[in-house]
Amino acid sequence: MQSEIIIELWGVATCRRYQRMRRAVLEGAQRLGVNVRLEEINDAGRLARVNPLHLPQLRMGDRVLARGNPPSTDAVARWLTES
């Protein structure tokens, strides 16, 4: 059975950059055939702990992969193969 990679996406779901970041993760995972669980952190209480200038934010484990500007699908695919 293939293991699942957990990725957290922090931010406001209505933000365009958030949506582009979300799409890049899903497309990168689909391209590689990798099983990804995307946990979307939209709770105001949890988001308050993060500098708003650093949102949206993409995390894998303790590692911040991207913040602010969405990564390309190719970058996400590369991170998924490295994990």
N, C-alpha and C. Protein backbone atom coordinates (compact mmCIF):
# COMPACT_ATOMS: atom_id res chain seq x y z
N MET A 1 0.84 -1.19 0.00
CA MET A 1 0.00 0.00 0.00
C MET A 1 0.89 1.26 0.00
N GLN A 2 0.53 2.21 -0.82
CA GLN A 2 1.30 3.43 -0.93
C GLN A 2 1.03 4.33 0.28
N SER A 3 2.10 4.90 0.84
CA SER A 3 1.92 5.79 1.99
C SER A 3 1.37 7.14 1.53
N GLU A 4 0.78 7.82 2.46
CA GLU A 4 0.15 9.11 2.18
C GLU A 4 1.06 10.24 2.66
N ILE A 5 1.22 11.26 1.83
CA ILE A 5 2.02 12.43 2.19
C ILE A 5 1.05 13.50 2.68
N ILE A 6 1.31 14.03 3.87
CA ILE A 6 0.44 15.05 4.45
C ILE A 6 1.05 16.42 4.17
N ILE A 7 0.26 17.27 3.54
CA ILE A 7 0.67 18.64 3.25
C ILE A 7 -0.36 19.57 3.86
N GLU A 8 0.12 20.61 4.54
CA GLU A 8 -0.77 21.61 5.13
C GLU A 8 -0.76 22.87 4.28
N LEU A 9 -1.93 23.40 4.04
CA LEU A 9 -2.08 24.66 3.33
C LEU A 9 -2.76 25.63 4.28
N TRP A 10 -2.02 26.65 4.70
CA TRP A 10 -2.51 27.65 5.65
C TRP A 10 -2.94 28.89 4.89
N GLY A 11 -4.11 29.42 5.21
CA GLY A 11 -4.56 30.66 4.60
C GLY A 11 -6.07 30.76 4.52
N VAL A 12 -6.51 31.74 3.77
CA VAL A 12 -7.93 32.01 3.60
C VAL A 12 -8.35 31.42 2.26
N ALA A 13 -9.34 30.54 2.28
CA ALA A 13 -9.74 29.79 1.10
C ALA A 13 -10.20 30.66 -0.06
N THR A 14 -10.63 31.88 0.20
CA THR A 14 -11.11 32.74 -0.88
C THR A 14 -9.98 33.52 -1.56
N CYS A 15 -8.77 33.43 -1.04
CA CYS A 15 -7.61 34.13 -1.60
C CYS A 15 -7.17 33.47 -2.91
N ARG A 16 -6.88 34.27 -3.93
CA ARG A 16 -6.46 33.72 -5.23
C ARG A 16 -5.14 32.97 -5.13
N ARG A 17 -4.21 33.51 -4.36
CA ARG A 17 -2.91 32.83 -4.20
C ARG A 17 -3.09 31.49 -3.48
N TYR A 18 -3.99 31.45 -2.52
CA TYR A 18 -4.31 30.22 -1.80
C TYR A 18 -4.84 29.18 -2.80
N GLN A 19 -5.78 29.60 -3.65
CA GLN A 19 -6.37 28.70 -4.63
C GLN A 19 -5.33 28.19 -5.63
N ARG A 20 -4.41 29.06 -6.06
CA ARG A 20 -3.36 28.64 -6.98
C ARG A 20 -2.40 27.66 -6.31
N MET A 21 -2.11 27.89 -5.02
CA MET A 21 -1.24 26.99 -4.27
C MET A 21 -1.91 25.62 -4.13
N ARG A 22 -3.19 25.64 -3.84
CA ARG A 22 -3.96 24.40 -3.69
C ARG A 22 -3.96 23.61 -5.00
N ARG A 23 -4.21 24.30 -6.09
CA ARG A 23 -4.24 23.67 -7.41
C ARG A 23 -2.87 23.08 -7.77
N ALA A 24 -1.79 23.79 -7.46
CA ALA A 24 -0.44 23.30 -7.75
C ALA A 24 -0.15 22.00 -7.00
N VAL A 25 -0.59 21.92 -5.75
CA VAL A 25 -0.37 20.70 -4.96
C VAL A 25 -1.15 19.53 -5.55
N LEU A 26 -2.41 19.75 -5.84
CA LEU A 26 -3.24 18.67 -6.37
C LEU A 26 -2.77 18.22 -7.75
N GLU A 27 -2.39 19.15 -8.60
CA GLU A 27 -1.91 18.79 -9.94
C GLU A 27 -0.55 18.09 -9.88
N GLY A 28 0.33 18.57 -9.00
CA GLY A 28 1.63 17.93 -8.84
C GLY A 28 1.50 16.50 -8.34
N ALA A 29 0.62 16.28 -7.38
CA ALA A 29 0.40 14.93 -6.85
C ALA A 29 -0.21 14.02 -7.91
N GLN A 30 -1.16 14.56 -8.66
CA GLN A 30 -1.81 13.76 -9.70
C GLN A 30 -0.80 13.39 -10.80
N ARG A 31 0.04 14.33 -11.18
CA ARG A 31 1.05 14.09 -12.21
C ARG A 31 1.97 12.93 -11.83
N LEU A 32 2.33 12.86 -10.54
CA LEU A 32 3.24 11.82 -10.07
C LEU A 32 2.52 10.54 -9.64
N GLY A 33 1.21 10.62 -9.48
CA GLY A 33 0.46 9.48 -8.97
C GLY A 33 0.72 9.24 -7.49
N VAL A 34 0.97 10.33 -6.77
CA VAL A 34 1.29 10.27 -5.34
C VAL A 34 0.02 10.50 -4.53
N ASN A 35 -0.13 9.75 -3.46
CA ASN A 35 -1.28 9.89 -2.58
C ASN A 35 -0.99 11.01 -1.57
N VAL A 36 -1.74 12.12 -1.68
CA VAL A 36 -1.52 13.30 -0.83
C VAL A 36 -2.79 13.59 -0.05
N ARG A 37 -2.61 13.88 1.24
CA ARG A 37 -3.73 14.39 2.04
C ARG A 37 -3.45 15.86 2.28
N LEU A 38 -4.27 16.71 1.68
CA LEU A 38 -4.11 18.15 1.80
C LEU A 38 -4.98 18.62 2.96
N GLU A 39 -4.33 19.07 4.02
CA GLU A 39 -5.03 19.60 5.18
C GLU A 39 -5.07 21.11 5.05
N GLU A 40 -6.26 21.65 4.94
CA GLU A 40 -6.43 23.08 4.75
C GLU A 40 -6.71 23.75 6.09
N ILE A 41 -5.81 24.61 6.51
CA ILE A 41 -5.91 25.32 7.79
C ILE A 41 -6.50 26.69 7.51
N ASN A 42 -7.79 26.85 7.82
CA ASN A 42 -8.50 28.10 7.57
C ASN A 42 -9.03 28.74 8.84
N ASP A 43 -8.82 28.10 9.97
CA ASP A 43 -9.34 28.56 11.25
C ASP A 43 -8.63 29.85 11.67
N ALA A 44 -9.39 30.90 11.95
CA ALA A 44 -8.83 32.20 12.31
C ALA A 44 -7.92 32.11 13.53
N GLY A 45 -8.26 31.28 14.49
CA GLY A 45 -7.44 31.13 15.70
C GLY A 45 -6.06 30.58 15.38
N ARG A 46 -5.99 29.59 14.52
CA ARG A 46 -4.70 29.01 14.15
C ARG A 46 -3.93 29.95 13.22
N LEU A 47 -4.63 30.61 12.32
CA LEU A 47 -3.97 31.54 11.40
C LEU A 47 -3.39 32.74 12.12
N ALA A 48 -3.97 33.09 13.28
CA ALA A 48 -3.49 34.24 14.04
C ALA A 48 -2.07 34.03 14.56
N ARG A 49 -1.61 32.78 14.62
CA ARG A 49 -0.25 32.49 15.09
C ARG A 49 0.80 32.70 14.00
N VAL A 50 0.35 32.96 12.77
CA VAL A 50 1.26 33.12 11.63
C VAL A 50 1.23 34.57 11.17
N ASN A 51 2.38 35.10 10.81
CA ASN A 51 2.45 36.45 10.27
C ASN A 51 1.57 36.51 9.02
N PRO A 52 0.60 37.42 8.96
CA PRO A 52 -0.30 37.47 7.81
C PRO A 52 0.42 37.74 6.49
N LEU A 53 1.61 38.33 6.54
CA LEU A 53 2.38 38.55 5.32
C LEU A 53 2.97 37.25 4.78
N HIS A 54 2.93 36.19 5.60
CA HIS A 54 3.46 34.89 5.19
C HIS A 54 2.36 33.94 4.75
N LEU A 55 1.18 34.46 4.48
CA LEU A 55 0.06 33.62 4.04
C LEU A 55 -0.22 33.89 2.57
N PRO A 56 -0.68 32.93 1.83
CA PRO A 56 -0.84 31.53 2.21
C PRO A 56 0.52 30.86 2.38
N GLN A 57 0.47 29.73 3.06
CA GLN A 57 1.70 29.02 3.39
C GLN A 57 1.50 27.54 3.16
N LEU A 58 2.50 26.91 2.57
CA LEU A 58 2.45 25.48 2.28
C LEU A 58 3.51 24.79 3.12
N ARG A 59 3.09 23.79 3.90
CA ARG A 59 4.01 23.08 4.80
C ARG A 59 3.94 21.58 4.59
N MET A 60 5.10 20.95 4.76
CA MET A 60 5.17 19.50 4.77
C MET A 60 5.98 19.13 5.99
N GLY A 61 5.30 18.59 6.99
CA GLY A 61 5.97 18.32 8.27
C GLY A 61 6.33 19.64 8.93
N ASP A 62 7.56 19.77 9.37
CA ASP A 62 8.04 21.02 10.00
C ASP A 62 8.61 22.00 8.98
N ARG A 63 8.63 21.60 7.74
CA ARG A 63 9.26 22.39 6.67
C ARG A 63 8.25 23.28 5.96
N VAL A 64 8.56 24.57 5.86
CA VAL A 64 7.73 25.50 5.09
C VAL A 64 8.24 25.45 3.66
N LEU A 65 7.39 24.99 2.75
CA LEU A 65 7.78 24.85 1.35
C LEU A 65 7.61 26.15 0.57
N ALA A 66 6.54 26.86 0.86
CA ALA A 66 6.27 28.11 0.15
C ALA A 66 5.44 29.01 1.04
N ARG A 67 5.64 30.31 0.85
CA ARG A 67 4.81 31.28 1.56
C ARG A 67 4.60 32.48 0.66
N GLY A 68 3.39 32.99 0.70
CA GLY A 68 3.05 34.16 -0.12
C GLY A 68 2.77 33.81 -1.56
N ASN A 69 3.80 33.67 -2.35
CA ASN A 69 3.62 33.38 -3.77
C ASN A 69 3.50 31.87 -4.01
N PRO A 70 2.51 31.47 -4.79
CA PRO A 70 2.32 30.04 -5.06
C PRO A 70 3.48 29.45 -5.86
N PRO A 71 3.87 28.22 -5.53
CA PRO A 71 4.92 27.55 -6.29
C PRO A 71 4.34 27.01 -7.60
N SER A 72 5.22 26.65 -8.50
CA SER A 72 4.78 26.02 -9.74
C SER A 72 4.42 24.57 -9.47
N THR A 73 3.68 23.98 -10.37
CA THR A 73 3.35 22.56 -10.26
C THR A 73 4.63 21.73 -10.30
N ASP A 74 5.60 22.14 -11.11
CA ASP A 74 6.88 21.42 -11.19
C ASP A 74 7.62 21.44 -9.86
N ALA A 75 7.60 22.58 -9.17
CA ALA A 75 8.26 22.68 -7.86
C ALA A 75 7.59 21.75 -6.86
N VAL A 76 6.27 21.72 -6.86
CA VAL A 76 5.54 20.83 -5.95
C VAL A 76 5.88 19.38 -6.26
N ALA A 77 5.90 19.03 -7.52
CA ALA A 77 6.23 17.65 -7.91
C ALA A 77 7.64 17.29 -7.43
N ARG A 78 8.57 18.21 -7.54
CA ARG A 78 9.94 17.96 -7.07
C ARG A 78 9.96 17.73 -5.56
N TRP A 79 9.22 18.55 -4.81
CA TRP A 79 9.16 18.38 -3.34
C TRP A 79 8.54 17.04 -2.97
N LEU A 80 7.54 16.63 -3.71
CA LEU A 80 6.89 15.35 -3.42
C LEU A 80 7.82 14.17 -3.69
N THR A 81 8.65 14.27 -4.70
CA THR A 81 9.59 13.17 -4.98
C THR A 81 10.71 13.14 -3.96
N GLU A 82 11.04 14.29 -3.37
CA GLU A 82 12.10 14.37 -2.37
C GLU A 82 11.65 13.87 -1.00
N SER A 83 10.33 13.86 -0.77
CA SER A 83 9.84 13.48 0.57
C SER A 83 9.94 12.01 0.84
